[in-house]
Structure formats: C-alpha cells, structure tokens
Amino acid sequence: MRAGADVAREREGRRANARLDSATTRVNIPAVLAQRTLERASRYLGTRPVTDENQADYLMEVRMERFGINAKADEAAYLFTFAEAVLIDRRTGREIWNVNIHGRDRLTPYVESDSRIPGSVITASTLGSVSVADFQNALNQLMDSSSNLITNELRAALRGVRNN
C-alpha cells in the first residue's frame, strides 16, 4: 500500500507541475519577487525606487535561481524557491550585502502519522485538486514570503550596522 500511495503522490506531483507551468506563464515570478523586495527594502534603506538606474544610490539585484513543487515529502507538498539578493553601491559598484534564501510554503495539508500512507494519499489527492488559478495565488504568496525573507535579512543586517 505504501508503494502505491507514493506512486500516486509522485504522479499527481508531475501533473501539478504542468498546472504550475501554466500558472507561471500568467505570473512573472522573478519580476514579482524583485518588485516586492524593492518596495520593502526601500523602506529599510530610507530610499525611494527610481526607474533610471543612473539616479539610484543603491542597486538591488534579485535573482531567482529556481522554484517549483516538492511533492516528495511524506507529510505534505510544498512550493519552494531559491533566490539571491545583492545590494550594490551604484557609484562604486561595491557589493554591500547579499543573501541567499530558500522560501517554502506548504501547498497541501500537513499530515503527521507513524505511517507514510495517510500523508501520501492526502498529498496526492490535494495536489490533484489544485487548479492553475490556485497555483497563481500560491505563487503570489510564495513571492511575498520570499520577499519577506530577503528583507528581514536586510533589516537585521542594517540593525547590526546601525547599532555599532
């Protein structure tokens, strides 16, 4: 039974990846992450975003390394992202700060059990019901969460510098 449950979870994970791909054509994930990070980071830096890079004091580069669905865990399926943010002094080109983040949002209910079967079955069933629109919403939540991870790290670094 366990093998069958795992196969069902993995099959639904592959099908869900196809719907996730459709959702990503409707949401520019790297652009959304960069914009949300810029808006929040500007508050912490005491700056305002500008459209002309030559007018900026600092440049914030946010690079999405990868994102997707992790449906391999027995207890739940997750959307994940790996990204890097770099803050650069525009005038000198010097890197001031950087961070690598791993954002993760649970997509299916979390099942705690001594047996892997209930979690795999519930994960497979739930993944099968996630629509493209659901994935769009989940991706937006993941970008909010990832942006918060980046800017929380920036805020902590700034706090450390300002307190010294």
N, C-alpha and C. Protein backbone atom coordinates (compact mmCIF):
# COMPACT_ATOMS: atom_id res chain seq x y z
N MET A 1 0.83 -1.20 0.00
CA MET A 1 0.00 0.00 0.00
C MET A 1 0.86 1.26 0.00
N ARG A 2 1.96 1.21 0.76
CA ARG A 2 2.83 2.38 0.84
C ARG A 2 3.40 2.73 -0.52
N ALA A 3 3.84 1.73 -1.27
CA ALA A 3 4.40 1.98 -2.61
C ALA A 3 3.34 2.58 -3.52
N GLY A 4 2.12 2.08 -3.45
CA GLY A 4 1.04 2.62 -4.27
C GLY A 4 0.73 4.06 -3.91
N ALA A 5 0.71 4.36 -2.63
CA ALA A 5 0.45 5.73 -2.18
C ALA A 5 1.56 6.67 -2.65
N ASP A 6 2.81 6.22 -2.56
CA ASP A 6 3.94 7.04 -3.02
C ASP A 6 3.87 7.29 -4.52
N VAL A 7 3.50 6.24 -5.29
CA VAL A 7 3.38 6.38 -6.75
C VAL A 7 2.28 7.39 -7.08
N ALA A 8 1.16 7.29 -6.39
CA ALA A 8 0.05 8.23 -6.63
C ALA A 8 0.49 9.66 -6.33
N ARG A 9 1.22 9.85 -5.21
CA ARG A 9 1.69 11.19 -4.85
C ARG A 9 2.64 11.73 -5.91
N GLU A 10 3.56 10.92 -6.38
CA GLU A 10 4.51 11.36 -7.40
C GLU A 10 3.82 11.65 -8.74
N ARG A 11 2.83 10.82 -9.11
CA ARG A 11 2.08 11.05 -10.36
C ARG A 11 1.32 12.38 -10.28
N GLU A 12 0.65 12.61 -9.17
CA GLU A 12 -0.08 13.87 -9.02
C GLU A 12 0.88 15.05 -8.95
N GLY A 13 2.07 14.83 -8.39
CA GLY A 13 3.09 15.88 -8.39
C GLY A 13 3.51 16.27 -9.80
N ARG A 14 3.68 15.29 -10.67
CA ARG A 14 4.02 15.60 -12.08
C ARG A 14 2.89 16.34 -12.78
N ARG A 15 1.66 15.91 -12.54
CA ARG A 15 0.51 16.59 -13.15
C ARG A 15 0.39 18.02 -12.61
N ALA A 16 0.63 18.17 -11.32
CA ALA A 16 0.57 19.50 -10.71
C ALA A 16 1.65 20.41 -11.29
N ASN A 17 2.81 19.85 -11.59
CA ASN A 17 3.88 20.65 -12.22
C ASN A 17 3.43 21.24 -13.55
N ALA A 18 2.64 20.51 -14.31
CA ALA A 18 2.13 21.03 -15.57
C ALA A 18 1.21 22.23 -15.33
N ARG A 19 0.36 22.15 -14.31
CA ARG A 19 -0.52 23.28 -13.97
C ARG A 19 0.29 24.44 -13.42
N LEU A 20 1.34 24.13 -12.65
CA LEU A 20 2.22 25.18 -12.16
C LEU A 20 2.89 25.90 -13.33
N ASP A 21 3.33 25.16 -14.32
CA ASP A 21 3.92 25.78 -15.52
C ASP A 21 2.94 26.73 -16.19
N SER A 22 1.67 26.34 -16.26
CA SER A 22 0.65 27.23 -16.83
C SER A 22 0.50 28.48 -15.99
N ALA A 23 0.53 28.33 -14.69
CA ALA A 23 0.39 29.49 -13.79
C ALA A 23 1.57 30.44 -13.97
N THR A 24 2.77 29.90 -14.18
CA THR A 24 3.94 30.77 -14.32
C THR A 24 3.93 31.56 -15.62
N THR A 25 3.16 31.13 -16.60
CA THR A 25 3.04 31.94 -17.82
C THR A 25 2.17 33.17 -17.57
N ARG A 26 1.39 33.13 -16.50
CA ARG A 26 0.50 34.24 -16.15
C ARG A 26 1.07 35.16 -15.07
N VAL A 27 2.09 34.69 -14.36
CA VAL A 27 2.72 35.46 -13.30
C VAL A 27 4.22 35.49 -13.57
N ASN A 28 4.79 36.67 -13.72
CA ASN A 28 6.23 36.80 -13.94
C ASN A 28 6.91 36.72 -12.58
N ILE A 29 7.22 35.52 -12.18
CA ILE A 29 7.70 35.25 -10.83
C ILE A 29 8.94 36.07 -10.47
N PRO A 30 10.00 36.07 -11.28
CA PRO A 30 11.17 36.87 -10.91
C PRO A 30 10.85 38.37 -10.78
N ALA A 31 10.01 38.89 -11.68
CA ALA A 31 9.67 40.31 -11.61
C ALA A 31 8.84 40.63 -10.37
N VAL A 32 7.92 39.76 -10.02
CA VAL A 32 7.09 39.97 -8.83
C VAL A 32 7.97 39.95 -7.58
N LEU A 33 8.88 38.97 -7.50
CA LEU A 33 9.77 38.89 -6.35
C LEU A 33 10.64 40.14 -6.26
N ALA A 34 11.21 40.56 -7.37
CA ALA A 34 12.07 41.75 -7.37
C ALA A 34 11.30 43.00 -6.95
N GLN A 35 10.10 43.20 -7.49
CA GLN A 35 9.32 44.39 -7.18
C GLN A 35 8.92 44.44 -5.71
N ARG A 36 8.45 43.33 -5.19
CA ARG A 36 8.03 43.30 -3.79
C ARG A 36 9.23 43.50 -2.85
N THR A 37 10.35 42.93 -3.23
CA THR A 37 11.56 43.10 -2.42
C THR A 37 12.03 44.54 -2.47
N LEU A 38 12.01 45.14 -3.64
CA LEU A 38 12.43 46.54 -3.79
C LEU A 38 11.56 47.47 -2.95
N GLU A 39 10.26 47.27 -3.00
CA GLU A 39 9.36 48.14 -2.24
C GLU A 39 9.65 48.07 -0.75
N ARG A 40 9.81 46.88 -0.24
CA ARG A 40 10.03 46.75 1.20
C ARG A 40 11.45 47.17 1.59
N ALA A 41 12.45 46.80 0.77
CA ALA A 41 13.84 47.16 1.09
C ALA A 41 14.02 48.67 1.08
N SER A 42 13.31 49.36 0.22
CA SER A 42 13.42 50.82 0.15
C SER A 42 13.04 51.47 1.48
N ARG A 43 12.05 50.93 2.14
CA ARG A 43 11.65 51.47 3.45
C ARG A 43 12.78 51.32 4.45
N TYR A 44 13.43 50.19 4.46
CA TYR A 44 14.51 49.94 5.43
C TYR A 44 15.75 50.75 5.11
N LEU A 45 15.99 51.00 3.83
CA LEU A 45 17.18 51.75 3.43
C LEU A 45 16.95 53.26 3.48
N GLY A 46 15.69 53.67 3.60
CA GLY A 46 15.38 55.10 3.59
C GLY A 46 15.56 55.69 2.21
N THR A 47 15.26 54.89 1.19
CA THR A 47 15.40 55.34 -0.20
C THR A 47 14.05 55.25 -0.89
N ARG A 48 14.02 55.73 -2.11
CA ARG A 48 12.81 55.57 -2.93
C ARG A 48 13.23 54.93 -4.24
N PRO A 49 12.40 54.01 -4.73
CA PRO A 49 12.72 53.38 -6.01
C PRO A 49 12.70 54.39 -7.15
N VAL A 50 13.62 54.25 -8.08
CA VAL A 50 13.66 55.10 -9.27
C VAL A 50 13.70 54.21 -10.50
N THR A 51 13.22 54.77 -11.62
CA THR A 51 13.21 53.98 -12.85
C THR A 51 14.54 54.06 -13.60
N ASP A 52 15.26 55.15 -13.42
CA ASP A 52 16.56 55.33 -14.08
C ASP A 52 17.67 54.87 -13.15
N GLU A 53 18.32 53.79 -13.51
CA GLU A 53 19.37 53.21 -12.69
C GLU A 53 20.47 54.22 -12.35
N ASN A 54 20.72 55.17 -13.25
CA ASN A 54 21.76 56.18 -13.02
C ASN A 54 21.38 57.18 -11.93
N GLN A 55 20.12 57.23 -11.56
CA GLN A 55 19.65 58.13 -10.50
C GLN A 55 19.69 57.45 -9.12
N ALA A 56 20.00 56.18 -9.09
CA ALA A 56 19.93 55.40 -7.85
C ALA A 56 21.21 55.54 -7.04
N ASP A 57 21.06 55.50 -5.73
CA ASP A 57 22.21 55.41 -4.83
C ASP A 57 22.65 53.96 -4.68
N TYR A 58 21.65 53.08 -4.61
CA TYR A 58 21.91 51.66 -4.44
C TYR A 58 21.16 50.89 -5.52
N LEU A 59 21.70 49.74 -5.86
CA LEU A 59 21.03 48.82 -6.78
C LEU A 59 20.74 47.54 -6.02
N MET A 60 19.52 47.06 -6.14
CA MET A 60 19.15 45.79 -5.53
C MET A 60 18.90 44.81 -6.66
N GLU A 61 19.74 43.80 -6.72
CA GLU A 61 19.55 42.74 -7.70
C GLU A 61 18.94 41.54 -7.00
N VAL A 62 17.87 41.02 -7.57
CA VAL A 62 17.24 39.83 -7.03
C VAL A 62 17.21 38.80 -8.16
N ARG A 63 17.86 37.68 -7.92
CA ARG A 63 17.95 36.65 -8.95
C ARG A 63 17.25 35.39 -8.47
N MET A 64 16.27 34.97 -9.24
CA MET A 64 15.56 33.73 -8.95
C MET A 64 16.41 32.59 -9.51
N GLU A 65 16.87 31.72 -8.64
CA GLU A 65 17.67 30.59 -9.10
C GLU A 65 16.77 29.46 -9.58
N ARG A 66 15.77 29.11 -8.78
CA ARG A 66 14.80 28.10 -9.20
C ARG A 66 13.62 28.09 -8.25
N PHE A 67 12.52 27.52 -8.74
CA PHE A 67 11.34 27.36 -7.92
C PHE A 67 10.54 26.19 -8.47
N GLY A 68 9.65 25.66 -7.67
CA GLY A 68 8.84 24.54 -8.12
C GLY A 68 8.05 23.92 -6.99
N ILE A 69 7.65 22.66 -7.22
CA ILE A 69 6.89 21.90 -6.24
C ILE A 69 7.78 20.78 -5.72
N ASN A 70 7.78 20.63 -4.41
CA ASN A 70 8.43 19.47 -3.80
C ASN A 70 7.30 18.60 -3.26
N ALA A 71 7.02 17.52 -3.98
CA ALA A 71 5.96 16.60 -3.57
C ALA A 71 6.55 15.30 -3.04
N LYS A 72 7.82 15.31 -2.71
CA LYS A 72 8.49 14.09 -2.27
C LYS A 72 8.36 13.82 -0.76
N ALA A 73 8.06 14.85 0.00
CA ALA A 73 7.93 14.66 1.45
C ALA A 73 6.68 13.84 1.76
N ASP A 74 6.77 13.01 2.76
CA ASP A 74 5.64 12.15 3.11
C ASP A 74 4.49 12.92 3.76
N GLU A 75 4.83 14.01 4.47
CA GLU A 75 3.80 14.67 5.27
C GLU A 75 3.04 15.78 4.54
N ALA A 76 3.59 16.33 3.43
CA ALA A 76 2.92 17.42 2.70
C ALA A 76 3.70 17.74 1.43
N ALA A 77 3.08 18.53 0.55
CA ALA A 77 3.77 19.05 -0.64
C ALA A 77 3.99 20.55 -0.43
N TYR A 78 5.10 21.05 -0.97
CA TYR A 78 5.49 22.44 -0.77
C TYR A 78 5.83 23.10 -2.09
N LEU A 79 5.54 24.38 -2.20
CA LEU A 79 6.13 25.22 -3.25
C LEU A 79 7.42 25.76 -2.65
N PHE A 80 8.46 25.85 -3.46
CA PHE A 80 9.73 26.34 -2.94
C PHE A 80 10.37 27.30 -3.93
N THR A 81 11.27 28.11 -3.42
CA THR A 81 12.08 28.99 -4.25
C THR A 81 13.47 29.10 -3.65
N PHE A 82 14.44 29.22 -4.52
CA PHE A 82 15.81 29.57 -4.14
C PHE A 82 16.13 30.85 -4.88
N ALA A 83 16.56 31.87 -4.15
CA ALA A 83 16.85 33.16 -4.77
C ALA A 83 18.05 33.80 -4.07
N GLU A 84 18.63 34.77 -4.74
CA GLU A 84 19.73 35.54 -4.18
C GLU A 84 19.41 37.01 -4.36
N ALA A 85 19.71 37.79 -3.33
CA ALA A 85 19.57 39.24 -3.40
C ALA A 85 20.92 39.86 -3.09
N VAL A 86 21.27 40.89 -3.85
CA VAL A 86 22.54 41.59 -3.69
C VAL A 86 22.26 43.08 -3.68
N LEU A 87 22.82 43.78 -2.70
CA LEU A 87 22.72 45.24 -2.62
C LEU A 87 24.08 45.81 -3.02
N ILE A 88 24.06 46.72 -3.99
CA ILE A 88 25.29 47.27 -4.56
C ILE A 88 25.27 48.78 -4.45
N ASP A 89 26.39 49.37 -4.09
CA ASP A 89 26.55 50.82 -4.14
C ASP A 89 26.76 51.17 -5.61
N ARG A 90 25.81 51.90 -6.19
CA ARG A 90 25.86 52.17 -7.62
C ARG A 90 27.11 52.94 -8.02
N ARG A 91 27.51 53.92 -7.23
CA ARG A 91 28.66 54.76 -7.60
C ARG A 91 29.97 53.98 -7.63
N THR A 92 30.16 53.10 -6.67
CA THR A 92 31.44 52.38 -6.59
C THR A 92 31.36 50.98 -7.19
N GLY A 93 30.14 50.45 -7.33
CA GLY A 93 29.98 49.09 -7.81
C GLY A 93 30.28 48.05 -6.75
N ARG A 94 30.53 48.51 -5.55
CA ARG A 94 30.88 47.62 -4.45
C ARG A 94 29.65 46.91 -3.91
N GLU A 95 29.80 45.61 -3.70
CA GLU A 95 28.72 44.84 -3.09
C GLU A 95 28.69 45.16 -1.61
N ILE A 96 27.54 45.59 -1.13
CA ILE A 96 27.38 45.97 0.26
C ILE A 96 26.86 44.81 1.09
N TRP A 97 25.97 44.03 0.50
CA TRP A 97 25.28 42.99 1.25
C TRP A 97 24.71 41.98 0.27
N ASN A 98 24.61 40.74 0.69
CA ASN A 98 23.91 39.75 -0.11
C ASN A 98 23.31 38.68 0.78
N VAL A 99 22.36 37.96 0.24
CA VAL A 99 21.73 36.87 0.97
C VAL A 99 21.20 35.85 -0.04
N ASN A 100 21.30 34.60 0.33
CA ASN A 100 20.65 33.51 -0.41
C ASN A 100 19.50 33.04 0.45
N ILE A 101 18.35 32.86 -0.16
CA ILE A 101 17.19 32.44 0.62
C ILE A 101 16.57 31.20 0.00
N HIS A 102 15.91 30.45 0.85
CA HIS A 102 15.13 29.29 0.43
C HIS A 102 13.73 29.51 1.01
N GLY A 103 12.83 29.98 0.14
CA GLY A 103 11.45 30.18 0.57
C GLY A 103 10.66 28.90 0.38
N ARG A 104 9.69 28.69 1.26
CA ARG A 104 8.90 27.46 1.19
C ARG A 104 7.54 27.73 1.77
N ASP A 105 6.50 27.36 1.03
CA ASP A 105 5.13 27.46 1.52
C ASP A 105 4.45 26.11 1.32
N ARG A 106 3.77 25.67 2.37
CA ARG A 106 3.07 24.40 2.29
C ARG A 106 1.88 24.54 1.35
N LEU A 107 1.72 23.56 0.46
CA LEU A 107 0.66 23.58 -0.54
C LEU A 107 -0.48 22.65 -0.16
N THR A 108 -0.18 21.60 0.55
CA THR A 108 -1.19 20.61 0.94
C THR A 108 -1.23 20.51 2.46
N PRO A 109 -2.29 19.93 2.98
CA PRO A 109 -2.34 19.77 4.45
C PRO A 109 -1.16 18.96 4.97
N TYR A 110 -0.73 19.30 6.15
CA TYR A 110 0.36 18.58 6.81
C TYR A 110 -0.25 17.40 7.57
N VAL A 111 0.29 16.22 7.32
CA VAL A 111 -0.22 15.03 7.97
C VAL A 111 0.90 14.41 8.80
N GLU A 112 0.67 14.32 10.10
CA GLU A 112 1.64 13.69 10.97
C GLU A 112 1.11 12.31 11.33
N SER A 113 1.91 11.31 11.01
CA SER A 113 1.48 9.94 11.25
C SER A 113 2.69 9.04 11.36
N ASP A 114 2.52 7.91 12.06
CA ASP A 114 3.59 6.93 12.13
C ASP A 114 3.74 6.19 10.80
N SER A 115 2.72 6.23 9.99
CA SER A 115 2.74 5.58 8.68
C SER A 115 2.78 6.64 7.60
N ARG A 116 3.54 6.38 6.54
CA ARG A 116 3.64 7.36 5.44
C ARG A 116 2.41 7.34 4.54
N ILE A 117 1.60 6.31 4.65
CA ILE A 117 0.48 6.14 3.72
C ILE A 117 -0.53 7.29 3.80
N PRO A 118 -1.04 7.67 4.98
CA PRO A 118 -2.04 8.76 5.00
C PRO A 118 -1.51 10.06 4.40
N GLY A 119 -0.28 10.42 4.71
CA GLY A 119 0.27 11.66 4.16
C GLY A 119 0.38 11.62 2.65
N SER A 120 0.85 10.51 2.11
CA SER A 120 0.99 10.38 0.66
C SER A 120 -0.36 10.43 -0.04
N VAL A 121 -1.35 9.76 0.53
CA VAL A 121 -2.69 9.74 -0.06
C VAL A 121 -3.31 11.14 -0.03
N ILE A 122 -3.22 11.81 1.10
CA ILE A 122 -3.80 13.16 1.21
C ILE A 122 -3.05 14.14 0.31
N THR A 123 -1.73 14.03 0.27
CA THR A 123 -0.95 14.91 -0.61
C THR A 123 -1.34 14.68 -2.06
N ALA A 124 -1.43 13.42 -2.49
CA ALA A 124 -1.81 13.11 -3.87
C ALA A 124 -3.19 13.65 -4.19
N SER A 125 -4.13 13.42 -3.29
CA SER A 125 -5.50 13.88 -3.51
C SER A 125 -5.57 15.40 -3.60
N THR A 126 -4.89 16.08 -2.70
CA THR A 126 -4.92 17.55 -2.69
C THR A 126 -4.23 18.11 -3.91
N LEU A 127 -3.08 17.57 -4.28
CA LEU A 127 -2.37 18.07 -5.46
C LEU A 127 -3.24 17.94 -6.71
N GLY A 128 -4.02 16.87 -6.77
CA GLY A 128 -4.89 16.67 -7.92
C GLY A 128 -5.99 17.71 -8.04
N SER A 129 -6.30 18.37 -6.94
CA SER A 129 -7.39 19.36 -6.96
C SER A 129 -6.90 20.81 -7.10
N VAL A 130 -5.59 21.05 -7.12
CA VAL A 130 -5.05 22.41 -7.20
C VAL A 130 -5.14 22.89 -8.65
N SER A 131 -5.88 23.96 -8.87
CA SER A 131 -6.07 24.50 -10.22
C SER A 131 -4.95 25.47 -10.59
N VAL A 132 -4.93 25.87 -11.84
CA VAL A 132 -3.96 26.87 -12.30
C VAL A 132 -4.15 28.17 -11.51
N ALA A 133 -5.39 28.57 -11.31
CA ALA A 133 -5.65 29.80 -10.53
C ALA A 133 -5.17 29.64 -9.08
N ASP A 134 -5.35 28.46 -8.51
CA ASP A 134 -4.85 28.21 -7.15
C ASP A 134 -3.32 28.35 -7.13
N PHE A 135 -2.67 27.84 -8.16
CA PHE A 135 -1.22 27.96 -8.24
C PHE A 135 -0.79 29.41 -8.38
N GLN A 136 -1.54 30.20 -9.14
CA GLN A 136 -1.22 31.62 -9.26
C GLN A 136 -1.26 32.28 -7.88
N ASN A 137 -2.31 32.01 -7.13
CA ASN A 137 -2.42 32.57 -5.78
C ASN A 137 -1.29 32.08 -4.88
N ALA A 138 -1.00 30.79 -4.96
CA ALA A 138 0.07 30.23 -4.13
C ALA A 138 1.42 30.82 -4.51
N LEU A 139 1.66 31.05 -5.80
CA LEU A 139 2.92 31.66 -6.23
C LEU A 139 3.04 33.09 -5.71
N ASN A 140 1.95 33.83 -5.73
CA ASN A 140 1.98 35.18 -5.18
C ASN A 140 2.29 35.15 -3.69
N GLN A 141 1.70 34.21 -2.96
CA GLN A 141 2.00 34.07 -1.53
C GLN A 141 3.46 33.69 -1.31
N LEU A 142 3.97 32.80 -2.17
CA LEU A 142 5.37 32.39 -2.05
C LEU A 142 6.30 33.56 -2.33
N MET A 143 5.95 34.43 -3.28
CA MET A 143 6.79 35.59 -3.58
C MET A 143 6.76 36.58 -2.41
N ASP A 144 5.58 36.74 -1.78
CA ASP A 144 5.50 37.58 -0.58
C ASP A 144 6.40 37.02 0.52
N SER A 145 6.28 35.74 0.74
CA SER A 145 7.08 35.08 1.78
C SER A 145 8.57 35.19 1.48
N SER A 146 8.96 34.95 0.24
CA SER A 146 10.37 35.03 -0.14
C SER A 146 10.90 36.45 -0.04
N SER A 147 10.09 37.41 -0.45
CA SER A 147 10.47 38.82 -0.32
C SER A 147 10.66 39.18 1.14
N ASN A 148 9.77 38.69 2.00
CA ASN A 148 9.90 38.95 3.43
C ASN A 148 11.18 38.34 3.99
N LEU A 149 11.53 37.14 3.53
CA LEU A 149 12.78 36.52 3.99
C LEU A 149 13.98 37.40 3.62
N ILE A 150 14.00 37.88 2.39
CA ILE A 150 15.11 38.71 1.93
C ILE A 150 15.18 40.00 2.74
N THR A 151 14.07 40.68 2.84
CA THR A 151 14.09 41.98 3.51
C THR A 151 14.25 41.86 5.02
N ASN A 152 13.81 40.76 5.61
CA ASN A 152 14.08 40.55 7.04
C ASN A 152 15.57 40.39 7.28
N GLU A 153 16.25 39.70 6.39
CA GLU A 153 17.70 39.56 6.49
C GLU A 153 18.38 40.92 6.33
N LEU A 154 17.91 41.71 5.37
CA LEU A 154 18.46 43.06 5.16
C LEU A 154 18.25 43.91 6.40
N ARG A 155 17.05 43.87 6.94
CA ARG A 155 16.73 44.65 8.13
C ARG A 155 17.62 44.27 9.31
N ALA A 156 17.85 42.98 9.47
CA ALA A 156 18.72 42.53 10.56
C ALA A 156 20.14 43.00 10.34
N ALA A 157 20.62 42.96 9.12
CA ALA A 157 21.99 43.42 8.81
C ALA A 157 22.09 44.92 9.05
N LEU A 158 21.07 45.68 8.65
CA LEU A 158 21.09 47.12 8.86
C LEU A 158 21.05 47.45 10.35
N ARG A 159 20.26 46.70 11.08
CA ARG A 159 20.17 46.92 12.52
C ARG A 159 21.54 46.70 13.16
N GLY A 160 22.24 45.65 12.73
CA GLY A 160 23.57 45.39 13.25
C GLY A 160 24.55 46.49 12.94
N VAL A 161 24.50 47.05 11.74
CA VAL A 161 25.40 48.13 11.35
C VAL A 161 25.06 49.41 12.09
N ARG A 162 23.78 49.71 12.21
CA ARG A 162 23.34 50.95 12.86
C ARG A 162 23.60 50.92 14.36
N ASN A 163 23.61 49.74 14.97
CA ASN A 163 23.84 49.63 16.41
C ASN A 163 25.32 49.65 16.76
N ASN A 164 26.18 49.55 15.78
CA ASN A 164 27.64 49.56 16.05
C ASN A 164 28.24 50.93 15.92
